[in-house]
Each structure stands twice: as structure tokens, then as C-alpha cells.
């Protein structure tokens, strides 16, 4: 996967809603629908080169709970072949509708944008980009399956929380989730991902760095050196 770069400042008003702060720190402030439509060609070209641009449905009102999308490279979508498709020229005048389709809760779906029928970029719900593993550690689902690997999907119904008679929390609730597990062709699990949907679980499927499995004891600079023979 190519290196992903951040979009530059776009001039949306503060404060940034807490749910989007991490994304703004990584990619830069969001642009509004009209601004994105005006700069459409440049933003699409930037996404093709690896730049993510955040797009807010409304940058001047409802800042407490706005809807944000992200114009992103195709590698930010786990299974683009199953997503709705818009020609770039058709998506621009209907951008608010395309963003709404990508972000609508709970049934939002990534929207694939094409040029001459060739997929080039995607519009996704911005929150799906939170906590993604680094590109170098993500498992490319298509390539992994072509190499003979196996991916299994599970649904975890979660668990209700518990409270005492006075209302004190005894156990935090565990939300439901989907879990994807990758097993190499020669056997053995090599990665795992989870999310609120199957697509998010596949997008977060990652291969842990080798050092997480090291059998070597941690280095202790204060330990007593072993005596020499």
C-alpha cells in the first residue's frame, strides 16, 4: 500500500467534536460540502495519491453531533466490489446525498467513485478510519485470500453491564462486535480484526509486529551482569 498523507488545513470553525478530534489531528480539519464540491477535482486527485480529506455535512451548525465523511484512497475500504458506485461527474452535484449514504446510521455503506467506470477513490464514514492499524501491518484481504489464506468471521453478541443496588457500576457493558481472523495457508492464525460491522472487522484485520511474539525476556539495564566463565 502506498504512503498516506494528511490533507492541509481547510478552515472549519472550532471546536471540533470530541469524536472527530483524533481524525483532525491526523488528517487536518474538515471541509464543508460546498467547499468540497468547489475543489472536487483537486480533492479527488489528492485521494488518488493517498491523501484523506474529511468532509462535514455542516461546518457551521449542529457541531455537537455533525456527520462527517472522508474522501479516501480505495485501500480504506475492505470490500469495494460490493459497494454502491457513483461516477465522479454524477457524485459532485449530489455530494450531500453521497455523503449521507456513506454515513447514515446504522446502515451507511462506503460509496465508490469511478472515472470512466474505473474505481478511483471512496467516500466512507469518517469514524471508520479511527484506530486503523498502520498500513505496514494491515492484511490485504484480497491478496491474502489469493495466496491461499483463510479468513473466518464471527459475531460476538457482547455482554450487558452490571450495577449494584445503589447504582454503582460493577461491570462495564461490552458492546457487540464482529471479529475477523486470518489463518495462513500453512496453518496458524496470523492476524485479527474487529469492528461494528463485517466491513470494519476486515478493514482492521492486521498482522501483529513480530516483537509481540518474541520469547526473549525484556532488556533490563539495571540487572546484574552474568559472571564470566
Foldseek 3Di string as FASTA:
>chain_A
DDDAQADEEDDFDDDAAPLCPVVCVGHNDAAELVVCLVCVVVQLVNQLNRYKHKYWPDRPPPNNDTFIKIWHFPLLWQCVVPAAEDESVRCSVVVSVQSCQQGPPPRRDKYFYDHPPHTRIIIHGPSLPPPADPPVFADNVVVQVVQQKDKDKDKAQWAPWDADPVRHTPGHTGHIKMKIWIAHNVGDTQWMAMDRDPRSRNRRTTGDDPVVVDPDDDDDPPDDDDDDD
